[in-house]
Amino acid sequence: MTNSQIRTASVAWDQLDIKVRFGSLLFDMLLDSNIYPMKIVRNKKHNHAAIELQFIDSGTGTLVMEDREQHLETGSIHIIGQHIFHSFEPDPVLPGERSTIRFTFQDSPTLDPGFPQEEADQIKAALSRLTYCQLTDSTRNRAIFRLLADVRSEIETPSVGSYAKVLSLFAQMIIELVRGIQLEHQTNRASTMPRKVKYDQWSCLIDAFFINCHKNLTLEMLADTLNLSTKQTHRLLKKHFNTKFKHKLMNTRVEVAKDLLRTSRLSIERIAGDVGYSSTQYFCHLFLQKTGMTPSEYRMELSGNNTQSST
């Protein structure tokens, strides 16, 4: 039994169901024990219904295809398209090893409507017309080799999140392959990142608005920030934050006041003003209502806890 056979004895590679999605494209990764380096040996012409990736781990050899021969050298990556007949010839002087993975892809109803269709179309175009491509960028090749090694390691010793990580590794590999193909064919096109629609930005805008809680903020001011009516803004706060404007403002001010009571020696009057209240009495009333303690009691309790923890 070879070292590769020993290593793969505990993993039924051909039974693994690993599917990677890019928007409407669904990739099925087809693995077997050849995911580990195997000797390059002479074999008969054959083809596959899947796209095949050949990683040349060491030595040299020759890839023989329908109408050409391609030299294989250490560190190179070769992509063979679907249904392309090919075979391998070992180098008699410097025999090598190769690792292999295959995949298919198809259009499938998307579960990710936010994925940019332009990107899915570019991936599909690069792979659909592929017959053969050698990736020549050594930096990209090293990165893809590392991704393959990480896939093997993650599957050999699975842990929490292993499936998600393996999907991520294969997704990165496919993207690097497509970029490499585009580079070789000089068809590389820029792709723009999707933009949030207005409604998806509400949370960030509201968070930024209440950072200025020391100012005299009003519901009307927030509505203007969101470009909504006051009624729409009220419903938005109720639905997504389960609160009203005045309660969110008060909660924010109290939380800021807690930090000031904990980290500074500022007077209660100064803290009340710093969080937006001109009346210290009203501030103390709200603080008590929210925390069950006056600001002075809260500071004293923190001081007592700190003293206990230091002894």
C-alpha atoms as a PDB file:
ATOM      1  CA  MET A   1       0.000   0.000   0.000  1.00  0.00           C
ATOM      2  CA  THR A   2       1.407   3.390  -1.027  1.00  0.00           C
ATOM      3  CA  ASN A   3       1.640   6.440   1.199  1.00  0.00           C
ATOM      4  CA  SER A   4      -1.241   8.040  -0.733  1.00  0.00           C
ATOM      5  CA  GLN A   5      -3.425   4.963  -0.220  1.00  0.00           C
ATOM      6  CA  ILE A   6      -2.678   5.002   3.503  1.00  0.00           C
ATOM      7  CA  ARG A   7      -3.583   8.663   3.762  1.00  0.00           C
ATOM      8  CA  THR A   8      -6.879   8.291   1.942  1.00  0.00           C
ATOM      9  CA  ALA A   9      -8.030   5.088   3.613  1.00  0.00           C
ATOM     10  CA  SER A  10     -10.254   6.946   6.072  1.00  0.00           C
ATOM     11  CA  VAL A  11     -11.868   9.319   3.532  1.00  0.00           C
ATOM     12  CA  ALA A  12     -14.394   8.067   0.975  1.00  0.00           C
ATOM     13  CA  TRP A  13     -13.591  10.896  -1.410  1.00  0.00           C
ATOM     14  CA  ASP A  14     -15.932   9.779  -4.173  1.00  0.00           C
ATOM     15  CA  GLN A  15     -18.868   9.795  -1.715  1.00  0.00           C
ATOM     16  CA  LEU A  16     -18.485  13.436  -0.692  1.00  0.00           C
ATOM     17  CA  ASP A  17     -21.306  15.722  -1.827  1.00  0.00           C
ATOM     18  CA  ILE A  18     -19.743  19.163  -2.216  1.00  0.00           C
ATOM     19  CA  LYS A  19     -21.635  21.762  -4.200  1.00  0.00           C
ATOM     20  CA  VAL A  20     -20.540  25.383  -4.600  1.00  0.00           C
ATOM     21  CA  ARG A  21     -22.932  28.102  -5.750  1.00  0.00           C
ATOM     22  CA  PHE A  22     -22.238  31.339  -7.605  1.00  0.00           C
ATOM     23  CA  GLY A  23     -25.648  32.917  -8.021  1.00  0.00           C
ATOM     24  CA  SER A  24     -27.444  30.844 -10.672  1.00  0.00           C
ATOM     25  CA  LEU A  25     -24.437  28.546 -11.244  1.00  0.00           C
ATOM     26  CA  LEU A  26     -24.161  25.368  -9.184  1.00  0.00           C
ATOM     27  CA  PHE A  27     -20.817  23.540  -9.186  1.00  0.00           C
ATOM     28  CA  ASP A  28     -20.535  19.865  -8.272  1.00  0.00           C
ATOM     29  CA  MET A  29     -17.019  18.973  -7.087  1.00  0.00           C
ATOM     30  CA  LEU A  30     -16.092  15.420  -8.125  1.00  0.00           C
ATOM     31  CA  LEU A  31     -13.316  14.048  -5.926  1.00  0.00           C
ATOM     32  CA  ASP A  32     -11.492  10.754  -5.617  1.00  0.00           C
ATOM     33  CA  SER A  33      -8.184   9.498  -4.226  1.00  0.00           C
ATOM     34  CA  ASN A  34      -6.355  11.296  -7.045  1.00  0.00           C
ATOM     35  CA  ILE A  35      -6.758  14.461  -5.011  1.00  0.00           C
ATOM     36  CA  TYR A  36      -3.399  13.275  -3.619  1.00  0.00           C
ATOM     37  CA  PRO A  37      -0.220  13.188  -5.736  1.00  0.00           C
ATOM     38  CA  MET A  38      -0.055  10.038  -7.886  1.00  0.00           C
ATOM     39  CA  LYS A  39       2.723   8.983 -10.241  1.00  0.00           C
ATOM     40  CA  ILE A  40       2.394  10.124 -13.822  1.00  0.00           C
ATOM     41  CA  VAL A  41       2.062   6.897 -15.779  1.00  0.00           C
ATOM     42  CA  ARG A  42       1.306   6.126 -19.406  1.00  0.00           C
ATOM     43  CA  ASN A  43      -2.416   5.652 -20.004  1.00  0.00           C
ATOM     44  CA  LYS A  44      -4.838   5.369 -22.899  1.00  0.00           C
ATOM     45  CA  LYS A  45      -6.698   8.272 -24.440  1.00  0.00           C
ATOM     46  CA  HIS A  46      -9.882   9.028 -22.508  1.00  0.00           C
ATOM     47  CA  ASN A  47     -12.254  11.907 -21.813  1.00  0.00           C
ATOM     48  CA  HIS A  48     -14.633  13.084 -19.105  1.00  0.00           C
ATOM     49  CA  ALA A  49     -17.995  14.805 -18.924  1.00  0.00           C
ATOM     50  CA  ALA A  50     -16.431  17.053 -16.274  1.00  0.00           C
ATOM     51  CA  ILE A  51     -13.762  19.751 -16.390  1.00  0.00           C
ATOM     52  CA  GLU A  52     -10.500  18.289 -15.108  1.00  0.00           C
ATOM     53  CA  LEU A  53      -7.745  20.085 -13.193  1.00  0.00           C
ATOM     54  CA  GLN A  54      -4.255  18.621 -13.270  1.00  0.00           C
ATOM     55  CA  PHE A  55      -1.799  19.812 -10.601  1.00  0.00           C
ATOM     56  CA  ILE A  56       1.792  18.794 -11.376  1.00  0.00           C
ATOM     57  CA  ASP A  57       3.271  18.273  -7.936  1.00  0.00           C
ATOM     58  CA  SER A  58       6.758  17.144  -9.001  1.00  0.00           C
ATOM     59  CA  GLY A  59       8.868  16.058 -11.956  1.00  0.00           C
ATOM     60  CA  THR A  60       7.884  16.359 -15.577  1.00  0.00           C
ATOM     61  CA  GLY A  61       5.821  14.572 -18.203  1.00  0.00           C
ATOM     62  CA  THR A  62       3.651  15.108 -21.252  1.00  0.00           C
ATOM     63  CA  LEU A  63      -0.059  15.701 -21.655  1.00  0.00           C
ATOM     64  CA  VAL A  64      -1.234  14.355 -25.016  1.00  0.00           C
ATOM     65  CA  MET A  65      -4.490  15.783 -26.316  1.00  0.00           C
ATOM     66  CA  GLU A  66      -6.445  15.405 -29.537  1.00  0.00           C
ATOM     67  CA  ASP A  67      -4.235  17.647 -31.622  1.00  0.00           C
ATOM     68  CA  ARG A  68      -1.317  18.684 -29.443  1.00  0.00           C
ATOM     69  CA  GLU A  69       1.228  17.718 -26.826  1.00  0.00           C
ATOM     70  CA  GLN A  70       1.790  19.841 -23.711  1.00  0.00           C
ATOM     71  CA  HIS A  71       4.880  19.676 -21.527  1.00  0.00           C
ATOM     72  CA  LEU A  72       4.166  19.189 -17.827  1.00  0.00           C
ATOM     73  CA  GLU A  73       6.479  20.658 -15.225  1.00  0.00           C
ATOM     74  CA  THR A  74       6.528  21.007 -11.466  1.00  0.00           C
ATOM     75  CA  GLY A  75       4.132  23.624 -10.121  1.00  0.00           C
ATOM     76  CA  SER A  76       2.075  23.937 -13.308  1.00  0.00           C
ATOM     77  CA  ILE A  77      -1.725  23.688 -13.473  1.00  0.00           C
ATOM     78  CA  HIS A  78      -3.577  22.399 -16.522  1.00  0.00           C
ATOM     79  CA  ILE A  79      -7.318  22.689 -17.141  1.00  0.00           C
ATOM     80  CA  ILE A  80      -8.839  20.180 -19.561  1.00  0.00           C
ATOM     81  CA  GLY A  81     -12.316  20.919 -20.862  1.00  0.00           C
ATOM     82  CA  GLN A  82     -15.288  18.595 -20.996  1.00  0.00           C
ATOM     83  CA  HIS A  83     -15.166  15.728 -23.538  1.00  0.00           C
ATOM     84  CA  ILE A  84     -11.559  16.460 -24.570  1.00  0.00           C
ATOM     85  CA  PHE A  85      -9.653  13.215 -25.221  1.00  0.00           C
ATOM     86  CA  HIS A  86      -6.277  13.126 -23.508  1.00  0.00           C
ATOM     87  CA  SER A  87      -3.594  10.853 -22.057  1.00  0.00           C
ATOM     88  CA  PHE A  88      -0.352  11.159 -20.095  1.00  0.00           C
ATOM     89  CA  GLU A  89       3.244  10.186 -20.804  1.00  0.00           C
ATOM     90  CA  PRO A  90       5.811  10.079 -17.960  1.00  0.00           C
ATOM     91  CA  ASP A  91       9.263  11.550 -18.393  1.00  0.00           C
ATOM     92  CA  PRO A  92      11.744   8.626 -18.369  1.00  0.00           C
ATOM     93  CA  VAL A  93      14.479  10.790 -16.818  1.00  0.00           C
ATOM     94  CA  LEU A  94      12.504  12.848 -14.312  1.00  0.00           C
ATOM     95  CA  PRO A  95       9.173  11.062 -13.640  1.00  0.00           C
ATOM     96  CA  GLY A  96       6.603  13.193 -11.859  1.00  0.00           C
ATOM     97  CA  GLU A  97       3.446  13.155  -9.781  1.00  0.00           C
ATOM     98  CA  ARG A  98       0.083  14.807 -10.413  1.00  0.00           C
ATOM     99  CA  SER A  99      -3.054  15.531  -8.373  1.00  0.00           C
ATOM    100  CA  THR A 100      -6.477  15.674  -9.986  1.00  0.00           C
ATOM    101  CA  ILE A 101      -9.906  17.077  -9.226  1.00  0.00           C
ATOM    102  CA  ARG A 102     -12.926  17.432 -11.519  1.00  0.00           C
ATOM    103  CA  PHE A 103     -16.105  19.461 -11.460  1.00  0.00           C
ATOM    104  CA  THR A 104     -19.264  20.090 -13.436  1.00  0.00           C
ATOM    105  CA  PHE A 105     -21.546  23.118 -13.338  1.00  0.00           C
ATOM    106  CA  GLN A 106     -25.072  23.919 -14.405  1.00  0.00           C
ATOM    107  CA  ASP A 107     -27.652  26.662 -14.234  1.00  0.00           C
ATOM    108  CA  SER A 108     -29.892  26.231 -11.217  1.00  0.00           C
ATOM    109  CA  PRO A 109     -32.600  28.357  -9.569  1.00  0.00           C
ATOM    110  CA  THR A 110     -30.692  30.841  -7.481  1.00  0.00           C
ATOM    111  CA  LEU A 111     -30.927  30.913  -3.714  1.00  0.00           C
ATOM    112  CA  ASP A 112     -28.913  34.115  -3.652  1.00  0.00           C
ATOM    113  CA  PRO A 113     -30.766  36.810  -5.588  1.00  0.00           C
ATOM    114  CA  GLY A 114     -28.208  39.354  -4.407  1.00  0.00           C
ATOM    115  CA  PHE A 115     -25.359  37.691  -6.327  1.00  0.00           C
ATOM    116  CA  PRO A 116     -24.465  39.866  -9.351  1.00  0.00           C
ATOM    117  CA  GLN A 117     -25.595  38.128 -12.538  1.00  0.00           C
ATOM    118  CA  GLU A 118     -22.733  39.749 -14.468  1.00  0.00           C
ATOM    119  CA  GLU A 119     -20.240  37.804 -12.375  1.00  0.00           C
ATOM    120  CA  ALA A 120     -22.087  34.503 -12.834  1.00  0.00           C
ATOM    121  CA  ASP A 121     -22.178  35.134 -16.588  1.00  0.00           C
ATOM    122  CA  GLN A 122     -18.420  35.749 -16.727  1.00  0.00           C
ATOM    123  CA  ILE A 123     -17.676  32.539 -14.815  1.00  0.00           C
ATOM    124  CA  LYS A 124     -19.986  30.558 -17.081  1.00  0.00           C
ATOM    125  CA  ALA A 125     -18.508  32.066 -20.262  1.00  0.00           C
ATOM    126  CA  ALA A 126     -14.919  31.318 -19.233  1.00  0.00           C
ATOM    127  CA  LEU A 127     -15.644  27.675 -18.464  1.00  0.00           C
ATOM    128  CA  SER A 128     -18.238  26.895 -21.158  1.00  0.00           C
ATOM    129  CA  ARG A 129     -15.919  27.525 -24.100  1.00  0.00           C
ATOM    130  CA  LEU A 130     -12.888  25.914 -22.472  1.00  0.00           C
ATOM    131  CA  THR A 131     -11.035  23.136 -24.294  1.00  0.00           C
ATOM    132  CA  TYR A 132      -7.615  23.438 -22.662  1.00  0.00           C
ATOM    133  CA  CYS A 133      -5.742  26.056 -20.686  1.00  0.00           C
ATOM    134  CA  GLN A 134      -2.427  26.106 -18.862  1.00  0.00           C
ATOM    135  CA  LEU A 135      -2.177  28.670 -16.090  1.00  0.00           C
ATOM    136  CA  THR A 136       1.182  30.412 -16.370  1.00  0.00           C
ATOM    137  CA  ASP A 137       1.034  32.886 -13.477  1.00  0.00           C
ATOM    138  CA  SER A 138       3.325  31.276 -10.886  1.00  0.00           C
ATOM    139  CA  THR A 139       1.948  33.368  -8.012  1.00  0.00           C
ATOM    140  CA  ARG A 140      -1.630  32.351  -8.800  1.00  0.00           C
ATOM    141  CA  ASN A 141      -0.571  28.723  -9.223  1.00  0.00           C
ATOM    142  CA  ARG A 142       1.061  28.624  -5.800  1.00  0.00           C
ATOM    143  CA  ALA A 143      -2.102  30.079  -4.266  1.00  0.00           C
ATOM    144  CA  ILE A 144      -4.273  27.414  -5.953  1.00  0.00           C
ATOM    145  CA  PHE A 145      -1.918  24.645  -4.795  1.00  0.00           C
ATOM    146  CA  ARG A 146      -2.296  25.969  -1.230  1.00  0.00           C
ATOM    147  CA  LEU A 147      -6.094  25.979  -1.579  1.00  0.00           C
ATOM    148  CA  LEU A 148      -6.007  22.342  -2.664  1.00  0.00           C
ATOM    149  CA  ALA A 149      -3.773  21.420   0.275  1.00  0.00           C
ATOM    150  CA  ASP A 150      -6.159  23.213   2.653  1.00  0.00           C
ATOM    151  CA  VAL A 151      -9.124  21.307   1.178  1.00  0.00           C
ATOM    152  CA  ARG A 152      -7.372  17.988   1.793  1.00  0.00           C
ATOM    153  CA  SER A 153      -6.454  18.945   5.337  1.00  0.00           C
ATOM    154  CA  GLU A 154      -9.944  20.214   6.209  1.00  0.00           C
ATOM    155  CA  ILE A 155     -11.633  17.066   4.896  1.00  0.00           C
ATOM    156  CA  GLU A 156      -9.126  14.725   6.550  1.00  0.00           C
ATOM    157  CA  THR A 157      -9.626  16.283   9.975  1.00  0.00           C
ATOM    158  CA  PRO A 158     -13.127  17.823   9.986  1.00  0.00           C
ATOM    159  CA  SER A 159     -14.246  20.142  12.747  1.00  0.00           C
ATOM    160  CA  VAL A 160     -17.005  22.668  13.372  1.00  0.00           C
ATOM    161  CA  GLY A 161     -17.607  24.610  10.171  1.00  0.00           C
ATOM    162  CA  SER A 162     -15.509  22.303   7.983  1.00  0.00           C
ATOM    163  CA  TYR A 163     -18.148  22.024   5.255  1.00  0.00           C
ATOM    164  CA  ALA A 164     -18.535  25.818   5.059  1.00  0.00           C
ATOM    165  CA  LYS A 165     -14.760  26.238   4.953  1.00  0.00           C
ATOM    166  CA  VAL A 166     -14.365  23.623   2.216  1.00  0.00           C
ATOM    167  CA  LEU A 167     -17.050  25.397   0.165  1.00  0.00           C
ATOM    168  CA  SER A 168     -15.154  28.656   0.637  1.00  0.00           C
ATOM    169  CA  LEU A 169     -11.855  27.066  -0.417  1.00  0.00           C
ATOM    170  CA  PHE A 170     -13.360  25.564  -3.559  1.00  0.00           C
ATOM    171  CA  ALA A 171     -15.117  28.856  -4.357  1.00  0.00           C
ATOM    172  CA  GLN A 172     -11.776  30.662  -4.138  1.00  0.00           C
ATOM    173  CA  MET A 173     -10.175  28.002  -6.310  1.00  0.00           C
ATOM    174  CA  ILE A 174     -12.825  28.325  -9.019  1.00  0.00           C
ATOM    175  CA  ILE A 175     -12.485  32.112  -9.047  1.00  0.00           C
ATOM    176  CA  GLU A 176      -8.686  31.890  -9.352  1.00  0.00           C
ATOM    177  CA  LEU A 177      -9.079  29.388 -12.196  1.00  0.00           C
ATOM    178  CA  VAL A 178     -11.501  31.661 -14.042  1.00  0.00           C
ATOM    179  CA  ARG A 179      -9.227  34.667 -13.552  1.00  0.00           C
ATOM    180  CA  GLY A 180      -6.312  32.618 -14.831  1.00  0.00           C
ATOM    181  CA  ILE A 181      -8.279  31.511 -17.894  1.00  0.00           C
ATOM    182  CA  GLN A 182      -9.310  35.095 -18.631  1.00  0.00           C
ATOM    183  CA  LEU A 183      -5.700  36.225 -18.295  1.00  0.00           C
ATOM    184  CA  GLU A 184      -4.443  33.540 -20.672  1.00  0.00           C
ATOM    185  CA  HIS A 185      -7.192  34.318 -23.198  1.00  0.00           C
ATOM    186  CA  GLN A 186      -6.909  38.079 -22.628  1.00  0.00           C
ATOM    187  CA  THR A 187     -10.615  38.342 -21.879  1.00  0.00           C
ATOM    188  CA  ASN A 188     -10.356  39.746 -18.359  1.00  0.00           C
ATOM    189  CA  ARG A 189     -13.147  42.192 -17.562  1.00  0.00           C
ATOM    190  CA  ALA A 190     -13.670  44.306 -14.493  1.00  0.00           C
ATOM    191  CA  SER A 191     -16.670  43.536 -12.323  1.00  0.00           C
ATOM    192  CA  THR A 192     -18.449  46.009 -10.078  1.00  0.00           C
ATOM    193  CA  MET A 193     -19.464  45.205  -6.528  1.00  0.00           C
ATOM    194  CA  PRO A 194     -23.217  45.263  -5.908  1.00  0.00           C
ATOM    195  CA  ARG A 195     -24.584  48.352  -4.186  1.00  0.00           C
ATOM    196  CA  LYS A 196     -27.033  48.372  -1.320  1.00  0.00           C
ATOM    197  CA  VAL A 197     -30.444  49.738  -2.110  1.00  0.00           C
ATOM    198  CA  LYS A 198     -31.671  52.628   0.023  1.00  0.00           C
ATOM    199  CA  TYR A 199     -33.669  50.432   2.349  1.00  0.00           C
ATOM    200  CA  ASP A 200     -30.668  48.224   3.154  1.00  0.00           C
ATOM    201  CA  GLN A 201     -28.767  51.285   4.428  1.00  0.00           C
ATOM    202  CA  TRP A 202     -31.291  52.234   7.108  1.00  0.00           C
ATOM    203  CA  SER A 203     -29.581  50.408   9.944  1.00  0.00           C
ATOM    204  CA  CYS A 204     -26.217  52.122   9.386  1.00  0.00           C
ATOM    205  CA  LEU A 205     -27.844  55.536   8.938  1.00  0.00           C
ATOM    206  CA  ILE A 206     -29.840  55.165  12.149  1.00  0.00           C
ATOM    207  CA  ASP A 207     -26.779  54.011  14.099  1.00  0.00           C
ATOM    208  CA  ALA A 208     -24.787  56.996  12.837  1.00  0.00           C
ATOM    209  CA  PHE A 209     -27.653  59.370  13.655  1.00  0.00           C
ATOM    210  CA  PHE A 210     -27.857  58.346  17.325  1.00  0.00           C
ATOM    211  CA  ILE A 211     -24.088  58.639  17.830  1.00  0.00           C
ATOM    212  CA  ASN A 212     -24.829  62.372  18.098  1.00  0.00           C
ATOM    213  CA  CYS A 213     -27.173  61.738  21.026  1.00  0.00           C
ATOM    214  CA  HIS A 214     -25.775  64.780  22.869  1.00  0.00           C
ATOM    215  CA  LYS A 215     -27.500  67.010  20.330  1.00  0.00           C
ATOM    216  CA  ASN A 216     -31.143  68.045  20.374  1.00  0.00           C
ATOM    217  CA  LEU A 217     -32.294  65.234  18.098  1.00  0.00           C
ATOM    218  CA  THR A 218     -35.876  64.889  16.892  1.00  0.00           C
ATOM    219  CA  LEU A 219     -37.911  62.338  14.968  1.00  0.00           C
ATOM    220  CA  GLU A 220     -38.227  64.857  12.158  1.00  0.00           C
ATOM    221  CA  MET A 221     -34.435  65.106  11.870  1.00  0.00           C
ATOM    222  CA  LEU A 222     -34.118  61.313  11.610  1.00  0.00           C
ATOM    223  CA  ALA A 223     -36.893  61.226   9.011  1.00  0.00           C
ATOM    224  CA  ASP A 224     -34.985  63.784   6.928  1.00  0.00           C
ATOM    225  CA  THR A 225     -31.811  61.689   7.223  1.00  0.00           C
ATOM    226  CA  LEU A 226     -33.640  58.600   5.975  1.00  0.00           C
ATOM    227  CA  ASN A 227     -35.635  60.562   3.387  1.00  0.00           C
ATOM    228  CA  LEU A 228     -38.849  59.184   4.863  1.00  0.00           C
ATOM    229  CA  SER A 229     -41.914  60.657   6.441  1.00  0.00           C
ATOM    230  CA  THR A 230     -42.163  60.755  10.236  1.00  0.00           C
ATOM    231  CA  LYS A 231     -44.849  58.051  10.118  1.00  0.00           C
ATOM    232  CA  GLN A 232     -42.628  55.791   8.013  1.00  0.00           C
ATOM    233  CA  THR A 233     -39.699  56.438  10.331  1.00  0.00           C
ATOM    234  CA  HIS A 234     -41.805  55.617  13.381  1.00  0.00           C
ATOM    235  CA  ARG A 235     -42.934  52.327  11.791  1.00  0.00           C
ATOM    236  CA  LEU A 236     -39.349  51.510  10.809  1.00  0.00           C
ATOM    237  CA  LEU A 237     -38.063  51.931  14.361  1.00  0.00           C
ATOM    238  CA  LYS A 238     -40.925  49.872  15.728  1.00  0.00           C
ATOM    239  CA  LYS A 239     -40.505  47.055  13.224  1.00  0.00           C
ATOM    240  CA  HIS A 240     -36.725  46.710  13.101  1.00  0.00           C
ATOM    241  CA  PHE A 241     -35.638  48.041  16.512  1.00  0.00           C
ATOM    242  CA  ASN A 242     -38.782  47.306  18.544  1.00  0.00           C
ATOM    243  CA  THR A 243     -38.701  50.776  20.049  1.00  0.00           C
ATOM    244  CA  LYS A 244     -39.922  54.343  19.674  1.00  0.00           C
ATOM    245  CA  PHE A 245     -37.718  57.302  18.831  1.00  0.00           C
ATOM    246  CA  LYS A 246     -37.716  58.816  22.331  1.00  0.00           C
ATOM    247  CA  HIS A 247     -36.937  55.452  23.939  1.00  0.00           C
ATOM    248  CA  LYS A 248     -34.011  54.775  21.590  1.00  0.00           C
ATOM    249  CA  LEU A 249     -32.638  58.255  22.228  1.00  0.00           C
ATOM    250  CA  MET A 250     -33.001  57.842  25.998  1.00  0.00           C
ATOM    251  CA  ASN A 251     -31.412  54.372  25.964  1.00  0.00           C
ATOM    252  CA  THR A 252     -28.474  55.648  23.946  1.00  0.00           C
ATOM    253  CA  ARG A 253     -27.922  58.607  26.267  1.00  0.00           C
ATOM    254  CA  VAL A 254     -28.096  56.414  29.384  1.00  0.00           C
ATOM    255  CA  GLU A 255     -25.569  53.962  27.946  1.00  0.00           C
ATOM    256  CA  VAL A 256     -23.186  56.805  27.102  1.00  0.00           C
ATOM    257  CA  ALA A 257     -23.690  58.218  30.611  1.00  0.00           C
ATOM    258  CA  LYS A 258     -22.799  54.807  32.107  1.00  0.00           C
ATOM    259  CA  ASP A 259     -19.477  54.876  30.300  1.00  0.00           C
ATOM    260  CA  LEU A 260     -18.748  58.401  31.531  1.00  0.00           C
ATOM    261  CA  LEU A 261     -19.641  57.442  35.113  1.00  0.00           C
ATOM    262  CA  ARG A 262     -17.377  54.422  34.863  1.00  0.00           C
ATOM    263  CA  THR A 263     -14.373  55.980  33.116  1.00  0.00           C
ATOM    264  CA  SER A 264     -14.304  59.605  34.296  1.00  0.00           C
ATOM    265  CA  ARG A 265     -14.593  61.745  37.417  1.00  0.00           C
ATOM    266  CA  LEU A 266     -16.885  64.249  35.742  1.00  0.00           C
ATOM    267  CA  SER A 267     -19.704  65.653  37.861  1.00  0.00           C
ATOM    268  CA  ILE A 268     -23.252  64.368  37.413  1.00  0.00           C
ATOM    269  CA  GLU A 269     -24.241  67.822  36.148  1.00  0.00           C
ATOM    270  CA  ARG A 270     -21.474  67.752  33.521  1.00  0.00           C
ATOM    271  CA  ILE A 271     -22.387  64.242  32.387  1.00  0.00           C
ATOM    272  CA  ALA A 272     -26.054  65.197  32.087  1.00  0.00           C
ATOM    273  CA  GLY A 273     -25.089  68.049  29.780  1.00  0.00           C
ATOM    274  CA  ASP A 274     -22.644  65.925  27.792  1.00  0.00           C
ATOM    275  CA  VAL A 275     -25.338  63.381  26.919  1.00  0.00           C
ATOM    276  CA  GLY A 276     -27.875  66.010  25.901  1.00  0.00           C
ATOM    277  CA  TYR A 277     -29.901  66.959  29.016  1.00  0.00           C
ATOM    278  CA  SER A 278     -30.024  70.563  30.220  1.00  0.00           C
ATOM    279  CA  SER A 279     -31.813  69.473  33.408  1.00  0.00           C
ATOM    280  CA  THR A 280     -29.724  67.355  35.774  1.00  0.00           C
ATOM    281  CA  GLN A 281     -32.853  66.441  37.723  1.00  0.00           C
ATOM    282  CA  TYR A 282     -34.572  65.114  34.614  1.00  0.00           C
ATOM    283  CA  PHE A 283     -31.443  63.181  33.636  1.00  0.00           C
ATOM    284  CA  CYS A 284     -31.281  61.555  37.079  1.00  0.00           C
ATOM    285  CA  HIS A 285     -34.981  60.676  36.841  1.00  0.00           C
ATOM    286  CA  LEU A 286     -34.502  58.946  33.472  1.00  0.00           C
ATOM    287  CA  PHE A 287     -31.330  57.197  34.633  1.00  0.00           C
ATOM    288  CA  LEU A 288     -33.143  55.825  37.693  1.00  0.00           C
ATOM    289  CA  GLN A 289     -36.074  54.757  35.536  1.00  0.00           C
ATOM    290  CA  LYS A 290     -33.760  52.872  33.188  1.00  0.00           C
ATOM    291  CA  THR A 291     -31.251  51.306  35.607  1.00  0.00           C
ATOM    292  CA  GLY A 292     -32.978  51.256  38.977  1.00  0.00           C
ATOM    293  CA  MET A 293     -30.203  53.441  40.424  1.00  0.00           C
ATOM    294  CA  THR A 294     -29.351  57.129  40.485  1.00  0.00           C
ATOM    295  CA  PRO A 295     -26.158  58.117  38.663  1.00  0.00           C
ATOM    296  CA  SER A 296     -24.405  58.585  42.041  1.00  0.00           C
ATOM    297  CA  GLU A 297     -25.499  55.122  43.229  1.00  0.00           C
ATOM    298  CA  TYR A 298     -24.354  53.601  39.950  1.00  0.00           C
ATOM    299  CA  ARG A 299     -20.909  55.207  40.280  1.00  0.00           C
ATOM    300  CA  MET A 300     -20.594  54.140  43.915  1.00  0.00           C
ATOM    301  CA  GLU A 301     -21.522  50.551  43.060  1.00  0.00           C
ATOM    302  CA  LEU A 302     -18.892  50.470  40.326  1.00  0.00           C
ATOM    303  CA  SER A 303     -16.331  51.907  42.749  1.00  0.00           C
ATOM    304  CA  GLY A 304     -17.187  49.260  45.329  1.00  0.00           C
ATOM    305  CA  ASN A 305     -16.913  46.445  42.802  1.00  0.00           C
ATOM    306  CA  ASN A 306     -13.539  47.714  41.627  1.00  0.00           C
ATOM    307  CA  THR A 307     -12.289  47.913  45.212  1.00  0.00           C
ATOM    308  CA  GLN A 308     -13.378  44.325  45.901  1.00  0.00           C
ATOM    309  CA  SER A 309     -11.769  42.997  42.746  1.00  0.00           C
ATOM    310  CA  SER A 310      -8.450  44.664  43.568  1.00  0.00           C
ATOM    311  CA  THR A 311      -8.177  43.191  47.082  1.00  0.00           C
END
